[in-house]
């Protein structure tokens, strides 16, 4: 499957990078990338903390995870069915 990155071609990425360099300057790009990386890391850590708290609270309150497992299986089945339907549509675009 040959899907472009975020539906953007290589030429479009090059033009965007060119504008970023012209707007911010080459010396600011590492600073911006560092800031974006730190922000993404904080978001990932926060979501992991929330997941851990939910799982720990479920264990402490003796909540069974069987319901969540079956729910996840149902969601996966629906997602797969949607992917089967939309697959030919995506390939034709």
PDB file of N, CA and C in Angstrom:
ATOM      1  N   UNK A   1       0.846  -1.167   0.000  1.00  0.00           N
ATOM      2  CA  UNK A   1       0.000   0.000   0.000  1.00  0.00           C
ATOM      3  C   UNK A   1       0.899   1.239   0.000  1.00  0.00           C
ATOM      4  N   UNK A   2       0.649   2.141  -0.896  1.00  0.00           N
ATOM      5  CA  UNK A   2       1.489   3.321  -1.052  1.00  0.00           C
ATOM      6  C   UNK A   2       0.716   4.563  -0.610  1.00  0.00           C
ATOM      7  N   UNK A   3       0.613   4.762   0.706  1.00  0.00           N
ATOM      8  CA  UNK A   3      -0.095   5.935   1.204  1.00  0.00           C
ATOM      9  C   UNK A   3       0.906   6.998   1.609  1.00  0.00           C
ATOM     10  N   UNK A   4       0.698   8.211   1.162  1.00  0.00           N
ATOM     11  CA  UNK A   4       1.630   9.283   1.536  1.00  0.00           C
ATOM     12  C   UNK A   4       1.477   9.656   3.003  1.00  0.00           C
ATOM     13  N   UNK A   5       2.526  10.238   3.548  1.00  0.00           N
ATOM     14  CA  UNK A   5       2.539  10.642   4.947  1.00  0.00           C
ATOM     15  C   UNK A   5       1.548  11.766   5.156  1.00  0.00           C
ATOM     16  N   UNK A   6       0.484  11.505   5.917  1.00  0.00           N
ATOM     17  CA  UNK A   6      -0.560  12.489   6.210  1.00  0.00           C
ATOM     18  C   UNK A   6      -1.146  13.107   4.944  1.00  0.00           C
ATOM     19  N   UNK A   7      -1.181  12.337   3.866  1.00  0.00           N
ATOM     20  CA  UNK A   7      -1.713  12.779   2.589  1.00  0.00           C
ATOM     21  C   UNK A   7      -0.976  14.003   2.050  1.00  0.00           C
ATOM     22  N   UNK A   8       0.304  14.131   2.392  1.00  0.00           N
ATOM     23  CA  UNK A   8       1.142  15.220   1.900  1.00  0.00           C
ATOM     24  C   UNK A   8       2.280  14.595   1.101  1.00  0.00           C
ATOM     25  N   UNK A   9       2.508  15.120  -0.093  1.00  0.00           N
ATOM     26  CA  UNK A   9       3.588  14.566  -0.912  1.00  0.00           C
ATOM     27  C   UNK A   9       4.932  15.129  -0.471  1.00  0.00           C
ATOM     28  N   UNK A  10       5.985  14.565  -1.010  1.00  0.00           N
ATOM     29  CA  UNK A  10       7.333  15.012  -0.670  1.00  0.00           C
ATOM     30  C   UNK A  10       7.586  16.454  -1.068  1.00  0.00           C
ATOM     31  N   UNK A  11       7.044  16.863  -2.208  1.00  0.00           N
ATOM     32  CA  UNK A  11       7.215  18.242  -2.656  1.00  0.00           C
ATOM     33  C   UNK A  11       6.534  19.219  -1.704  1.00  0.00           C
ATOM     34  N   UNK A  12       5.347  18.862  -1.226  1.00  0.00           N
ATOM     35  CA  UNK A  12       4.629  19.740  -0.302  1.00  0.00           C
ATOM     36  C   UNK A  12       5.369  19.860   1.026  1.00  0.00           C
ATOM     37  N   UNK A  13       5.942  18.756   1.496  1.00  0.00           N
ATOM     38  CA  UNK A  13       6.726  18.800   2.734  1.00  0.00           C
ATOM     39  C   UNK A  13       7.936  19.706   2.544  1.00  0.00           C
ATOM     40  N   UNK A  14       8.586  19.609   1.384  1.00  0.00           N
ATOM     41  CA  UNK A  14       9.737  20.459   1.095  1.00  0.00           C
ATOM     42  C   UNK A  14       9.354  21.938   1.110  1.00  0.00           C
ATOM     43  N   UNK A  15       8.219  22.280   0.514  1.00  0.00           N
ATOM     44  CA  UNK A  15       7.772  23.674   0.486  1.00  0.00           C
ATOM     45  C   UNK A  15       7.468  24.162   1.896  1.00  0.00           C
ATOM     46  N   UNK A  16       6.815  23.338   2.699  1.00  0.00           N
ATOM     47  CA  UNK A  16       6.514  23.725   4.078  1.00  0.00           C
ATOM     48  C   UNK A  16       7.802  23.948   4.856  1.00  0.00           C
ATOM     49  N   UNK A  17       8.771  23.041   4.710  1.00  0.00           N
ATOM     50  CA  UNK A  17      10.057  23.211   5.391  1.00  0.00           C
ATOM     51  C   UNK A  17      10.770  24.474   4.934  1.00  0.00           C
ATOM     52  N   UNK A  18      10.681  24.778   3.657  1.00  0.00           N
ATOM     53  CA  UNK A  18      11.287  25.998   3.133  1.00  0.00           C
ATOM     54  C   UNK A  18      10.666  27.230   3.785  1.00  0.00           C
ATOM     55  N   UNK A  19       9.335  27.252   3.901  1.00  0.00           N
ATOM     56  CA  UNK A  19       8.663  28.376   4.547  1.00  0.00           C
ATOM     57  C   UNK A  19       9.025  28.470   6.029  1.00  0.00           C
ATOM     58  N   UNK A  20       9.140  27.327   6.695  1.00  0.00           N
ATOM     59  CA  UNK A  20       9.520  27.331   8.107  1.00  0.00           C
ATOM     60  C   UNK A  20      10.913  27.918   8.276  1.00  0.00           C
ATOM     61  N   UNK A  21      11.833  27.526   7.410  1.00  0.00           N
ATOM     62  CA  UNK A  21      13.199  28.052   7.490  1.00  0.00           C
ATOM     63  C   UNK A  21      13.206  29.547   7.216  1.00  0.00           C
ATOM     64  N   UNK A  22      12.432  29.991   6.234  1.00  0.00           N
ATOM     65  CA  UNK A  22      12.397  31.419   5.918  1.00  0.00           C
ATOM     66  C   UNK A  22      11.735  32.216   7.041  1.00  0.00           C
ATOM     67  N   UNK A  23      10.698  31.667   7.651  1.00  0.00           N
ATOM     68  CA  UNK A  23       9.954  32.404   8.675  1.00  0.00           C
ATOM     69  C   UNK A  23      10.699  32.445  10.008  1.00  0.00           C
ATOM     70  N   UNK A  24      11.203  31.291  10.463  1.00  0.00           N
ATOM     71  CA  UNK A  24      11.843  31.223  11.775  1.00  0.00           C
ATOM     72  C   UNK A  24      13.359  31.364  11.711  1.00  0.00           C
ATOM     73  N   UNK A  25      13.951  31.015  10.614  1.00  0.00           N
ATOM     74  CA  UNK A  25      15.405  31.029  10.506  1.00  0.00           C
ATOM     75  C   UNK A  25      15.962  29.675  10.886  1.00  0.00           C
ATOM     76  N   UNK A  26      17.094  29.340  10.303  1.00  0.00           N
ATOM     77  CA  UNK A  26      17.683  28.018  10.506  1.00  0.00           C
ATOM     78  C   UNK A  26      18.139  27.808  11.947  1.00  0.00           C
ATOM     79  N   UNK A  27      18.500  28.883  12.651  1.00  0.00           N
ATOM     80  CA  UNK A  27      18.996  28.728  14.019  1.00  0.00           C
ATOM     81  C   UNK A  27      17.888  28.447  15.023  1.00  0.00           C
ATOM     82  N   UNK A  28      16.632  28.738  14.699  1.00  0.00           N
ATOM     83  CA  UNK A  28      15.514  28.515  15.622  1.00  0.00           C
ATOM     84  C   UNK A  28      14.870  27.141  15.468  1.00  0.00           C
ATOM     85  N   UNK A  29      15.120  26.462  14.375  1.00  0.00           N
ATOM     86  CA  UNK A  29      14.452  25.179  14.100  1.00  0.00           C
ATOM     87  C   UNK A  29      14.774  24.121  15.156  1.00  0.00           C
ATOM     88  N   UNK A  30      16.031  23.944  15.584  1.00  0.00           N
ATOM     89  CA  UNK A  30      16.282  22.947  16.634  1.00  0.00           C
ATOM     90  C   UNK A  30      15.557  23.280  17.939  1.00  0.00           C
ATOM     91  N   UNK A  31      15.459  24.559  18.250  1.00  0.00           N
ATOM     92  CA  UNK A  31      14.747  24.982  19.453  1.00  0.00           C
ATOM     93  C   UNK A  31      13.260  24.620  19.372  1.00  0.00           C
ATOM     94  N   UNK A  32      12.666  24.876  18.219  1.00  0.00           N
ATOM     95  CA  UNK A  32      11.251  24.558  18.003  1.00  0.00           C
ATOM     96  C   UNK A  32      11.039  23.046  18.075  1.00  0.00           C
ATOM     97  N   UNK A  33      11.925  22.280  17.445  1.00  0.00           N
ATOM     98  CA  UNK A  33      11.805  20.818  17.459  1.00  0.00           C
ATOM     99  C   UNK A  33      11.933  20.274  18.880  1.00  0.00           C
ATOM    100  N   UNK A  34      12.868  20.846  19.649  1.00  0.00           N
ATOM    101  CA  UNK A  34      13.035  20.427  21.041  1.00  0.00           C
ATOM    102  C   UNK A  34      11.768  20.689  21.843  1.00  0.00           C
ATOM    103  N   UNK A  35      11.178  21.868  21.647  1.00  0.00           N
ATOM    104  CA  UNK A  35       9.940  22.214  22.345  1.00  0.00           C
ATOM    105  C   UNK A  35       8.802  21.287  21.979  1.00  0.00           C
ATOM    106  N   UNK A  36       8.688  20.976  20.679  1.00  0.00           N
ATOM    107  CA  UNK A  36       7.640  20.050  20.249  1.00  0.00           C
ATOM    108  C   UNK A  36       7.862  18.660  20.835  1.00  0.00           C
ATOM    109  N   UNK A  37       9.111  18.226  20.866  1.00  0.00           N
ATOM    110  CA  UNK A  37       9.430  16.914  21.440  1.00  0.00           C
ATOM    111  C   UNK A  37       9.081  16.840  22.915  1.00  0.00           C
ATOM    112  N   UNK A  38       9.423  17.897  23.664  1.00  0.00           N
ATOM    113  CA  UNK A  38       9.093  17.924  25.088  1.00  0.00           C
ATOM    114  C   UNK A  38       7.585  17.916  25.302  1.00  0.00           C
ATOM    115  N   UNK A  39       6.873  18.671  24.476  1.00  0.00           N
ATOM    116  CA  UNK A  39       5.412  18.704  24.593  1.00  0.00           C
ATOM    117  C   UNK A  39       4.788  17.350  24.311  1.00  0.00           C
ATOM    118  N   UNK A  40       5.275  16.682  23.267  1.00  0.00           N
ATOM    119  CA  UNK A  40       4.749  15.357  22.936  1.00  0.00           C
ATOM    120  C   UNK A  40       5.066  14.358  24.044  1.00  0.00           C
ATOM    121  N   UNK A  41       6.255  14.453  24.635  1.00  0.00           N
ATOM    122  CA  UNK A  41       6.647  13.564  25.725  1.00  0.00           C
ATOM    123  C   UNK A  41       5.744  13.788  26.939  1.00  0.00           C
ATOM    124  N   UNK A  42       5.431  15.049  27.248  1.00  0.00           N
ATOM    125  CA  UNK A  42       4.566  15.344  28.391  1.00  0.00           C
ATOM    126  C   UNK A  42       3.166  14.793  28.172  1.00  0.00           C
ATOM    127  N   UNK A  43       2.662  14.912  26.953  1.00  0.00           N
ATOM    128  CA  UNK A  43       1.331  14.369  26.650  1.00  0.00           C
ATOM    129  C   UNK A  43       1.343  12.850  26.794  1.00  0.00           C
ATOM    130  N   UNK A  44       2.386  12.198  26.280  1.00  0.00           N
ATOM    131  CA  UNK A  44       2.485  10.739  26.376  1.00  0.00           C
ATOM    132  C   UNK A  44       2.574  10.302  27.839  1.00  0.00           C
ATOM    133  N   UNK A  45       3.394  11.002  28.632  1.00  0.00           N
ATOM    134  CA  UNK A  45       3.516  10.662  30.051  1.00  0.00           C
ATOM    135  C   UNK A  45       2.189  10.852  30.786  1.00  0.00           C
ATOM    136  N   UNK A  46       1.482  11.930  30.459  1.00  0.00           N
ATOM    137  CA  UNK A  46       0.196  12.186  31.118  1.00  0.00           C
ATOM    138  C   UNK A  46      -0.811  11.092  30.786  1.00  0.00           C
ATOM    139  N   UNK A  47      -0.873  10.670  29.530  1.00  0.00           N
ATOM    140  CA  UNK A  47      -1.825   9.616  29.174  1.00  0.00           C
ATOM    141  C   UNK A  47      -1.439   8.291  29.827  1.00  0.00           C
ATOM    142  N   UNK A  48      -0.140   8.010  29.908  1.00  0.00           N
ATOM    143  CA  UNK A  48       0.291   6.782  30.586  1.00  0.00           C
ATOM    144  C   UNK A  48      -0.047   6.829  32.071  1.00  0.00           C
ATOM    145  N   UNK A  49       0.116   7.992  32.704  1.00  0.00           N
ATOM    146  CA  UNK A  49      -0.245   8.137  34.115  1.00  0.00           C
ATOM    147  C   UNK A  49      -1.734   7.899  34.323  1.00  0.00           C
ATOM    148  N   UNK A  50      -2.549   8.449  33.441  1.00  0.00           N
ATOM    149  CA  UNK A  50      -4.000   8.271  33.555  1.00  0.00           C
ATOM    150  C   UNK A  50      -4.364   6.804  33.393  1.00  0.00           C
ATOM    151  N   UNK A  51      -3.763   6.138  32.395  1.00  0.00           N
ATOM    152  CA  UNK A  51      -4.035   4.709  32.198  1.00  0.00           C
ATOM    153  C   UNK A  51      -3.640   3.901  33.428  1.00  0.00           C
ATOM    154  N   UNK A  52      -2.465   4.204  33.980  1.00  0.00           N
ATOM    155  CA  UNK A  52      -2.003   3.474  35.164  1.00  0.00           C
ATOM    156  C   UNK A  52      -2.919   3.699  36.353  1.00  0.00           C
ATOM    157  N   UNK A  53      -3.379   4.934  36.543  1.00  0.00           N
ATOM    158  CA  UNK A  53      -4.288   5.222  37.657  1.00  0.00           C
ATOM    159  C   UNK A  53      -5.605   4.486  37.496  1.00  0.00           C
ATOM    160  N   UNK A  54      -6.122   4.447  36.284  1.00  0.00           N
ATOM    161  CA  UNK A  54      -7.385   3.745  36.040  1.00  0.00           C
ATOM    162  C   UNK A  54      -7.217   2.255  36.304  1.00  0.00           C
ATOM    163  N   UNK A  55      -6.132   1.671  35.800  1.00  0.00           N
ATOM    164  CA  UNK A  55      -5.892   0.233  36.013  1.00  0.00           C
ATOM    165  C   UNK A  55      -5.680  -0.077  37.490  1.00  0.00           C
ATOM    166  N   UNK A  56      -4.926   0.764  38.190  1.00  0.00           N
ATOM    167  CA  UNK A  56      -4.677   0.536  39.612  1.00  0.00           C
ATOM    168  C   UNK A  56      -5.959   0.683  40.420  1.00  0.00           C
ATOM    169  N   UNK A  57      -6.760   1.671  40.084  1.00  0.00           N
ATOM    170  CA  UNK A  57      -8.022   1.869  40.798  1.00  0.00           C
ATOM    171  C   UNK A  57      -8.976   0.702  40.535  1.00  0.00           C
ATOM    172  N   UNK A  58      -8.952   0.166  39.312  1.00  0.00           N
ATOM    173  CA  UNK A  58      -9.797  -0.982  39.002  1.00  0.00           C
ATOM    174  C   UNK A  58      -9.351  -2.202  39.793  1.00  0.00           C
ATOM    175  N   UNK A  59      -8.042  -2.386  39.956  1.00  0.00           N
ATOM    176  CA  UNK A  59      -7.533  -3.517  40.733  1.00  0.00           C
ATOM    177  C   UNK A  59      -7.874  -3.356  42.213  1.00  0.00           C
ATOM    178  N   UNK A  60      -7.736  -2.138  42.728  1.00  0.00           N
ATOM    179  CA  UNK A  60      -8.019  -1.887  44.143  1.00  0.00           C
ATOM    180  C   UNK A  60      -9.491  -2.048  44.477  1.00  0.00           C
ATOM    181  N   UNK A  61     -10.357  -1.736  43.532  1.00  0.00           N
ATOM    182  CA  UNK A  61     -11.796  -1.825  43.771  1.00  0.00           C
ATOM    183  C   UNK A  61     -12.381  -3.117  43.231  1.00  0.00           C
ATOM    184  N   UNK A  62     -11.544  -4.053  42.909  1.00  0.00           N
ATOM    185  CA  UNK A  62     -11.912  -5.375  42.395  1.00  0.00           C
ATOM    186  C   UNK A  62     -12.896  -5.299  41.231  1.00  0.00           C
ATOM    187  N   UNK A  63     -12.631  -4.384  40.326  1.00  0.00           N
ATOM    188  CA  UNK A  63     -13.431  -4.294  39.116  1.00  0.00           C
ATOM    189  C   UNK A  63     -12.852  -5.286  38.125  1.00  0.00           C
ATOM    190  N   UNK A  64     -13.721  -6.091  37.555  1.00  0.00           N
ATOM    191  CA  UNK A  64     -13.224  -7.076  36.596  1.00  0.00           C
ATOM    192  C   UNK A  64     -12.955  -6.389  35.264  1.00  0.00           C
ATOM    193  N   UNK A  65     -11.911  -6.831  34.636  1.00  0.00           N
ATOM    194  CA  UNK A  65     -11.554  -6.259  33.344  1.00  0.00           C
ATOM    195  C   UNK A  65     -12.121  -7.079  32.192  1.00  0.00           C
ATOM    196  N   UNK A  66     -12.924  -8.088  32.509  1.00  0.00           N
ATOM    197  CA  UNK A  66     -13.541  -8.893  31.462  1.00  0.00           C
ATOM    198  C   UNK A  66     -14.461  -8.048  30.594  1.00  0.00           C
ATOM    199  N   UNK A  67     -15.149  -7.102  31.218  1.00  0.00           N
ATOM    200  CA  UNK A  67     -16.059  -6.239  30.468  1.00  0.00           C
ATOM    201  C   UNK A  67     -15.265  -5.399  29.478  1.00  0.00           C
ATOM    202  N   UNK A  68     -14.155  -4.854  29.928  1.00  0.00           N
ATOM    203  CA  UNK A  68     -13.352  -4.022  29.029  1.00  0.00           C
ATOM    204  C   UNK A  68     -12.715  -4.854  27.926  1.00  0.00           C
ATOM    205  N   UNK A  69     -12.345  -6.090  28.235  1.00  0.00           N
ATOM    206  CA  UNK A  69     -11.767  -6.950  27.202  1.00  0.00           C
ATOM    207  C   UNK A  69     -12.781  -7.253  26.117  1.00  0.00           C
ATOM    208  N   UNK A  70     -14.009  -7.600  26.517  1.00  0.00           N
ATOM    209  CA  UNK A  70     -15.038  -7.900  25.523  1.00  0.00           C
ATOM    210  C   UNK A  70     -15.410  -6.646  24.743  1.00  0.00           C
ATOM    211  N   UNK A  71     -15.415  -5.499  25.417  1.00  0.00           N
ATOM    212  CA  UNK A  71     -15.705  -4.247  24.736  1.00  0.00           C
ATOM    213  C   UNK A  71     -14.613  -3.930  23.708  1.00  0.00           C
ATOM    214  N   UNK A  72     -13.359  -4.137  24.093  1.00  0.00           N
ATOM    215  CA  UNK A  72     -12.255  -3.913  23.156  1.00  0.00           C
ATOM    216  C   UNK A  72     -12.346  -4.849  21.957  1.00  0.00           C
ATOM    217  N   UNK A  73     -12.741  -6.109  22.200  1.00  0.00           N
ATOM    218  CA  UNK A  73     -12.886  -7.055  21.098  1.00  0.00           C
ATOM    219  C   UNK A  73     -13.989  -6.610  20.146  1.00  0.00           C
ATOM    220  N   UNK A  74     -15.109  -6.127  20.707  1.00  0.00           N
ATOM    221  CA  UNK A  74     -16.211  -5.653  19.868  1.00  0.00           C
ATOM    222  C   UNK A  74     -15.798  -4.428  19.058  1.00  0.00           C
ATOM    223  N   UNK A  75     -15.080  -3.518  19.688  1.00  0.00           N
ATOM    224  CA  UNK A  75     -14.624  -2.321  18.991  1.00  0.00           C
ATOM    225  C   UNK A  75     -13.667  -2.703  17.865  1.00  0.00           C
ATOM    226  N   UNK A  76     -12.793  -3.655  18.122  1.00  0.00           N
ATOM    227  CA  UNK A  76     -11.851  -4.109  17.103  1.00  0.00           C
ATOM    228  C   UNK A  76     -12.587  -4.746  15.928  1.00  0.00           C
ATOM    229  N   UNK A  77     -13.613  -5.538  16.220  1.00  0.00           N
ATOM    230  CA  UNK A  77     -14.396  -6.157  15.149  1.00  0.00           C
ATOM    231  C   UNK A  77     -15.067  -5.099  14.282  1.00  0.00           C
ATOM    232  N   UNK A  78     -15.652  -4.082  14.916  1.00  0.00           N
ATOM    233  CA  UNK A  78     -16.319  -3.020  14.170  1.00  0.00           C
ATOM    234  C   UNK A  78     -15.301  -2.241  13.336  1.00  0.00           C
ATOM    235  N   UNK A  79     -14.152  -1.962  13.919  1.00  0.00           N
ATOM    236  CA  UNK A  79     -13.096  -1.234  13.194  1.00  0.00           C
ATOM    237  C   UNK A  79     -12.647  -2.023  11.980  1.00  0.00           C
ATOM    238  N   UNK A  80     -12.453  -3.329  12.146  1.00  0.00           N
ATOM    239  CA  UNK A  80     -12.037  -4.168  11.025  1.00  0.00           C
ATOM    240  C   UNK A  80     -13.095  -4.182   9.929  1.00  0.00           C
ATOM    241  N   UNK A  81     -14.369  -4.240  10.335  1.00  0.00           N
ATOM    242  CA  UNK A  81     -15.451  -4.229   9.351  1.00  0.00           C
ATOM    243  C   UNK A  81     -15.469  -2.913   8.586  1.00  0.00           C
ATOM    244  N   UNK A  82     -15.250  -1.817   9.277  1.00  0.00           N
ATOM    245  CA  UNK A  82     -15.224  -0.509   8.613  1.00  0.00           C
ATOM    246  C   UNK A  82     -14.029  -0.418   7.680  1.00  0.00           C
ATOM    247  N   UNK A  83     -12.881  -0.938   8.112  1.00  0.00           N
ATOM    248  CA  UNK A  83     -11.687  -0.930   7.262  1.00  0.00           C
ATOM    249  C   UNK A  83     -11.907  -1.750   5.995  1.00  0.00           C
ATOM    250  N   UNK A  84     -12.631  -2.865   6.112  1.00  0.00           N
ATOM    251  CA  UNK A  84     -12.916  -3.687   4.940  1.00  0.00           C
ATOM    252  C   UNK A  84     -13.789  -2.922   3.950  1.00  0.00           C
ATOM    253  N   UNK A  85     -14.737  -2.153   4.479  1.00  0.00           N
ATOM    254  CA  UNK A  85     -15.651  -1.408   3.612  1.00  0.00           C
ATOM    255  C   UNK A  85     -14.942  -0.217   2.980  1.00  0.00           C
ATOM    256  N   UNK A  86     -14.168   0.515   3.775  1.00  0.00           N
ATOM    257  CA  UNK A  86     -13.545   1.744   3.281  1.00  0.00           C
ATOM    258  C   UNK A  86     -12.222   1.491   2.583  1.00  0.00           C
ATOM    259  N   UNK A  87     -11.677   0.303   2.672  1.00  0.00           N
ATOM    260  CA  UNK A  87     -10.400   0.000   2.034  1.00  0.00           C
ATOM    261  C   UNK A  87     -10.393   0.298   0.550  1.00  0.00           C
ATOM    262  N   UNK A  88     -11.365  -0.241  -0.211  1.00  0.00           N
ATOM    263  CA  UNK A  88     -11.383   0.056  -1.657  1.00  0.00           C
ATOM    264  C   UNK A  88     -11.586   1.542  -1.941  1.00  0.00           C
ATOM    265  N   UNK A  89     -12.317   2.217  -1.097  1.00  0.00           N
ATOM    266  CA  UNK A  89     -12.559   3.654  -1.307  1.00  0.00           C
ATOM    267  C   UNK A  89     -11.264   4.412  -1.133  1.00  0.00           C
ATOM    268  N   UNK A  90     -10.485   4.100  -0.088  1.00  0.00           N
ATOM    269  CA  UNK A  90      -9.226   4.788   0.168  1.00  0.00           C
ATOM    270  C   UNK A  90      -8.226   4.546  -0.950  1.00  0.00           C
ATOM    271  N   UNK A  91      -8.214   3.327  -1.489  1.00  0.00           N
ATOM    272  CA  UNK A  91      -7.255   2.996  -2.533  1.00  0.00           C
ATOM    273  C   UNK A  91      -7.553   3.728  -3.824  1.00  0.00           C
ATOM    274  N   UNK A  92      -8.811   4.060  -4.069  1.00  0.00           N
ATOM    275  CA  UNK A  92      -9.192   4.742  -5.308  1.00  0.00           C
ATOM    276  C   UNK A  92      -8.948   6.235  -5.248  1.00  0.00           C
ATOM    277  N   UNK A  93      -8.695   6.794  -4.074  1.00  0.00           N
ATOM    278  CA  UNK A  93      -8.505   8.242  -3.968  1.00  0.00           C
ATOM    279  C   UNK A  93      -7.136   8.648  -4.337  1.00  0.00           C
TER     280      UNK A  93
END
